Amino acid sequence: MKKTSTYDMLGVTFSPLEAEGGPAVNCAPWAFYLTYYKDEDYFSIYENEIHFYKGVEDMVRKHPFYKKYIRYLIEVVGIKSCQVLSHIEIPDDKKGKVTIEMHHGPILTLFDVAEIVTRYYRKKEYDKISVCFIANVIIEEHRLNNIHTVFLAKSVHDKVTEGEVFLNYQQGFGDTETFLEKYREGITKDIQAKINRYIEECKEHDSYDNDVFRLEQKFKVWGNNDFDAYDFTEET
């Protein structure tokens, strides 16, 4: 059997990649032991589970392919403007005042996607679950266009996040149906209920904002200049 070497620094022991369960950090005085690959004991603690999903979110957004995918949607797919306020266009250069951001949804947030994919691999009893692995799987699903996203002006994005704007599924780009079918074993009852509620609301409503944009423009409380390029007089 190959002997596993360790490295000690200020009372914290680091085990390399060949250690059982992958690399690990061990700090005996506090009974602290953290493995690179996460098992069910790790996920049995709610705080660990939430921290893991947020770590996946962060790594996906920092992945080198992420910005390339955004450029692909703009330059190849042809999404050139905010998909709520179509008059607000994506500037051709970085000097423009308008900020357009990619929003995951409207059905599933990036956090939801991270949870579904992670639970899928847990159900499959995959023994090498890590933040890096799940993030790479999600990036691949972006590449396959299976993650539904919407391009929004920053101010609109803020309002969508705050729940003041409802987006119909027809807005945006990405094949949520394929994603859900592929990872259906990772869908919890809570996520299923969320999807069903959203579908019912889509049947009853198109996108709506209850005039929040017109009101906030009137009182000039926007923190960025998204509306410099938007002519409200063209609306009736």
Protein backbone atom coordinates (compact mmCIF):
# COMPACT_ATOMS: atom_id res chain seq x y z
CA MET A 1 0.00 0.00 0.00
CA LYS A 2 1.29 3.41 -0.91
CA LYS A 3 2.06 5.53 2.11
CA THR A 4 0.23 8.84 2.22
CA SER A 5 2.37 11.84 3.05
CA THR A 6 1.07 14.85 4.93
CA TYR A 7 2.17 18.42 5.48
CA ASP A 8 1.84 20.28 8.76
CA MET A 9 1.49 24.04 9.06
CA LEU A 10 0.64 25.80 12.33
CA GLY A 11 -1.12 22.73 13.68
CA VAL A 12 -3.17 22.16 10.52
CA THR A 13 -2.40 18.97 8.60
CA PHE A 14 -2.86 18.88 4.84
CA SER A 15 -3.15 15.55 3.02
CA PRO A 16 -2.39 15.45 -0.72
CA LEU A 17 -4.50 14.15 -3.58
CA GLU A 18 -3.71 10.47 -3.04
CA ALA A 19 -5.24 10.50 0.44
CA GLU A 20 -8.45 8.52 0.93
CA GLY A 21 -11.37 10.70 -0.14
CA GLY A 22 -9.06 13.11 -1.92
CA PRO A 23 -7.11 15.98 -0.33
CA ALA A 24 -8.09 16.85 3.22
CA VAL A 25 -7.48 19.38 5.97
CA ASN A 26 -7.28 18.22 9.58
CA CYS A 27 -6.98 20.38 12.71
CA ALA A 28 -6.96 18.08 15.76
CA PRO A 29 -7.42 20.63 18.60
CA TRP A 30 -10.85 21.56 17.20
CA ALA A 31 -11.69 18.11 15.80
CA PHE A 32 -11.86 19.79 12.39
CA TYR A 33 -11.59 17.54 9.34
CA LEU A 34 -12.55 18.65 5.85
CA THR A 35 -12.27 16.48 2.76
CA TYR A 36 -12.19 17.71 -0.80
CA TYR A 37 -14.84 15.23 -1.92
CA LYS A 38 -18.12 15.60 -0.02
CA ASP A 39 -20.11 12.65 1.29
CA GLU A 40 -23.54 12.30 2.88
CA ASP A 41 -22.15 13.04 6.34
CA TYR A 42 -21.07 16.44 5.04
CA PHE A 43 -24.43 17.16 3.38
CA SER A 44 -26.36 16.00 6.46
CA ILE A 45 -25.51 19.38 8.03
CA TYR A 46 -27.83 22.03 6.55
CA GLU A 47 -25.26 24.83 6.79
CA ASN A 48 -22.73 22.73 4.87
CA GLU A 49 -25.24 22.04 2.12
CA ILE A 50 -26.11 25.72 1.64
CA HIS A 51 -22.44 26.72 1.77
CA PHE A 52 -21.67 24.10 -0.90
CA TYR A 53 -24.35 25.36 -3.31
CA LYS A 54 -23.21 28.96 -2.87
CA GLY A 55 -19.64 27.87 -3.51
CA VAL A 56 -20.77 26.24 -6.75
CA GLU A 57 -22.58 29.44 -7.77
CA ASP A 58 -19.45 31.50 -7.16
CA MET A 59 -17.20 29.11 -9.07
CA VAL A 60 -19.57 28.97 -12.07
CA ARG A 61 -19.61 32.76 -12.33
CA LYS A 62 -15.79 32.89 -12.12
CA HIS A 63 -15.27 30.08 -14.63
CA PRO A 64 -13.32 31.19 -17.76
CA PHE A 65 -16.09 29.86 -20.02
CA TYR A 66 -18.82 31.88 -18.29
CA LYS A 67 -17.94 35.21 -19.95
CA LYS A 68 -17.42 33.41 -23.26
CA TYR A 69 -20.92 32.00 -23.01
CA ILE A 70 -22.36 35.47 -22.41
CA ARG A 71 -20.55 36.70 -25.53
CA TYR A 72 -21.91 33.69 -27.43
CA LEU A 73 -25.49 34.59 -26.51
CA ILE A 74 -24.92 38.17 -27.62
CA GLU A 75 -22.90 37.62 -30.79
CA VAL A 76 -24.14 34.23 -32.05
CA VAL A 77 -27.65 33.78 -30.65
CA GLY A 78 -28.28 37.49 -31.22
CA ILE A 79 -29.61 38.69 -27.86
CA LYS A 80 -28.87 42.38 -28.25
CA SER A 81 -31.07 44.09 -25.67
CA CYS A 82 -32.71 43.84 -22.26
CA GLN A 83 -35.45 41.24 -22.61
CA VAL A 84 -37.89 43.26 -20.49
CA LEU A 85 -37.25 46.76 -21.81
CA SER A 86 -36.27 46.10 -25.41
CA HIS A 87 -35.31 49.72 -26.05
CA ILE A 88 -32.29 49.27 -23.77
CA GLU A 89 -29.67 47.75 -26.02
CA ILE A 90 -26.37 46.11 -25.18
CA PRO A 91 -23.64 48.61 -26.07
CA ASP A 92 -21.16 47.64 -28.79
CA ASP A 93 -18.26 48.85 -26.64
CA LYS A 94 -17.43 49.01 -22.96
CA LYS A 95 -17.81 52.80 -22.89
CA GLY A 96 -21.61 52.72 -22.82
CA LYS A 97 -23.45 53.66 -19.64
CA VAL A 98 -25.91 50.77 -19.90
CA THR A 99 -25.17 47.65 -17.86
CA ILE A 100 -26.74 44.40 -19.11
CA GLU A 101 -26.48 41.31 -16.91
CA MET A 102 -27.30 37.63 -17.43
CA HIS A 103 -29.99 36.38 -15.06
CA HIS A 104 -30.57 32.67 -14.40
CA GLY A 105 -34.25 31.99 -14.65
CA PRO A 106 -37.03 32.75 -14.74
CA ILE A 107 -37.87 29.28 -13.39
CA LEU A 108 -34.60 28.14 -11.83
CA THR A 109 -31.96 30.28 -10.18
CA LEU A 110 -28.31 29.28 -10.37
CA PHE A 111 -28.65 28.16 -6.74
CA ASP A 112 -31.53 25.86 -7.77
CA VAL A 113 -29.43 24.45 -10.61
CA ALA A 114 -26.53 23.78 -8.24
CA GLU A 115 -28.86 21.99 -5.81
CA ILE A 116 -30.50 19.84 -8.51
CA VAL A 117 -27.21 18.74 -10.07
CA THR A 118 -25.62 18.01 -6.69
CA ARG A 119 -28.62 15.99 -5.48
CA TYR A 120 -28.62 14.07 -8.75
CA TYR A 121 -25.04 12.92 -8.21
CA ARG A 122 -25.76 12.18 -4.56
CA LYS A 123 -28.64 9.95 -5.64
CA LYS A 124 -26.26 8.21 -8.03
CA GLU A 125 -23.86 7.72 -5.08
CA TYR A 126 -21.08 9.41 -7.01
CA ASP A 127 -18.02 9.37 -4.74
CA LYS A 128 -16.14 12.40 -6.04
CA ILE A 129 -18.59 15.26 -5.48
CA SER A 130 -16.79 18.58 -5.10
CA VAL A 131 -17.52 22.24 -5.75
CA CYS A 132 -15.23 22.12 -8.80
CA PHE A 133 -16.88 19.01 -10.23
CA ILE A 134 -20.46 20.30 -9.89
CA ALA A 135 -19.46 23.73 -11.24
CA ASN A 136 -17.90 22.10 -14.31
CA VAL A 137 -21.05 20.03 -14.90
CA ILE A 138 -23.16 23.20 -14.78
CA ILE A 139 -20.80 25.02 -17.14
CA GLU A 140 -21.18 22.11 -19.58
CA GLU A 141 -24.98 22.41 -19.35
CA HIS A 142 -24.60 26.11 -20.21
CA ARG A 143 -22.52 25.11 -23.24
CA LEU A 144 -25.30 22.73 -24.30
CA ASN A 145 -27.82 25.59 -23.88
CA ASN A 146 -29.77 23.63 -21.27
CA ILE A 147 -29.73 26.43 -18.68
CA HIS A 148 -32.43 29.06 -19.15
CA THR A 149 -31.11 32.62 -18.86
CA VAL A 150 -32.44 36.10 -19.48
CA PHE A 151 -30.51 39.27 -20.32
CA LEU A 152 -31.62 42.21 -18.19
CA ALA A 153 -30.58 45.79 -17.63
CA LYS A 154 -29.06 46.11 -14.16
CA SER A 155 -31.99 48.02 -12.74
CA VAL A 156 -34.44 45.49 -14.17
CA HIS A 157 -32.32 42.64 -12.79
CA ASP A 158 -32.51 44.18 -9.33
CA LYS A 159 -36.31 44.35 -9.54
CA VAL A 160 -36.58 40.76 -10.78
CA THR A 161 -34.44 39.61 -7.86
CA GLU A 162 -36.64 41.58 -5.45
CA GLY A 163 -39.75 39.90 -6.88
CA GLU A 164 -41.23 43.11 -8.30
CA VAL A 165 -41.10 41.90 -11.90
CA PHE A 166 -42.56 38.63 -13.19
CA LEU A 167 -40.88 37.08 -16.24
CA ASN A 168 -42.80 34.68 -18.45
CA TYR A 169 -40.96 31.51 -19.49
CA GLN A 170 -41.11 32.61 -23.14
CA GLN A 171 -38.54 35.28 -22.33
CA GLY A 172 -34.92 34.25 -22.33
CA PHE A 173 -32.96 31.44 -23.90
CA GLY A 174 -32.21 27.87 -22.85
CA ASP A 175 -33.85 24.44 -22.73
CA THR A 176 -35.07 23.98 -19.16
CA GLU A 177 -37.15 20.95 -20.15
CA THR A 178 -34.07 19.03 -21.28
CA PHE A 179 -32.20 20.01 -18.12
CA LEU A 180 -35.02 18.89 -15.83
CA GLU A 181 -35.45 15.61 -17.69
CA LYS A 182 -31.73 14.91 -17.51
CA TYR A 183 -31.44 15.63 -13.78
CA ARG A 184 -34.97 14.72 -12.67
CA GLU A 185 -33.65 12.49 -9.88
CA GLY A 186 -32.18 15.58 -8.25
CA ILE A 187 -35.45 17.54 -8.13
CA THR A 188 -36.83 17.89 -4.60
CA LYS A 189 -40.51 18.27 -3.74
CA ASP A 190 -39.88 21.94 -2.89
CA ILE A 191 -38.34 22.64 -6.29
CA GLN A 192 -41.12 20.69 -7.99
CA ALA A 193 -43.71 22.81 -6.18
CA LYS A 194 -41.83 25.98 -7.18
CA ILE A 195 -41.85 24.92 -10.85
CA ASN A 196 -45.56 24.05 -10.75
CA ARG A 197 -46.45 27.42 -9.17
CA TYR A 198 -44.44 29.22 -11.81
CA ILE A 199 -46.07 27.30 -14.68
CA GLU A 200 -49.54 28.14 -13.35
CA GLU A 201 -48.64 31.83 -13.11
CA CYS A 202 -47.30 31.74 -16.69
CA LYS A 203 -50.66 30.38 -17.85
CA GLU A 204 -52.43 33.34 -16.25
CA HIS A 205 -49.98 36.17 -16.92
CA ASP A 206 -47.46 37.45 -19.40
CA SER A 207 -44.56 39.35 -17.90
CA TYR A 208 -45.61 42.26 -15.71
CA ASP A 209 -44.01 44.93 -13.54
CA ASN A 210 -46.98 46.85 -12.06
CA ASP A 211 -45.50 50.06 -13.55
CA VAL A 212 -42.55 49.91 -11.17
CA PHE A 213 -40.19 51.16 -13.89
CA ARG A 214 -42.28 54.18 -14.83
CA LEU A 215 -42.76 55.19 -11.19
CA GLU A 216 -39.12 54.84 -10.23
CA GLN A 217 -37.97 56.71 -13.30
CA LYS A 218 -40.31 59.54 -12.38
CA PHE A 219 -38.84 59.87 -8.91
CA LYS A 220 -35.27 59.32 -10.17
CA VAL A 221 -34.18 56.79 -7.62
CA TRP A 222 -32.30 54.52 -10.00
CA GLY A 223 -28.66 53.99 -9.06
CA ASN A 224 -27.43 53.42 -12.61
CA ASN A 225 -28.11 55.00 -16.00
CA ASP A 226 -29.96 52.17 -17.69
CA PHE A 227 -32.78 54.50 -18.63
CA ASP A 228 -30.67 57.09 -20.44
CA ALA A 229 -31.33 55.15 -23.64
CA TYR A 230 -35.01 54.50 -22.98
CA ASP A 231 -37.74 56.76 -24.31
CA PHE A 232 -40.82 56.41 -22.11
CA THR A 233 -42.84 58.67 -24.44
CA GLU A 234 -43.05 55.82 -26.94
CA GLU A 235 -45.26 53.82 -24.57
CA THR A 236 -49.00 54.32 -24.39
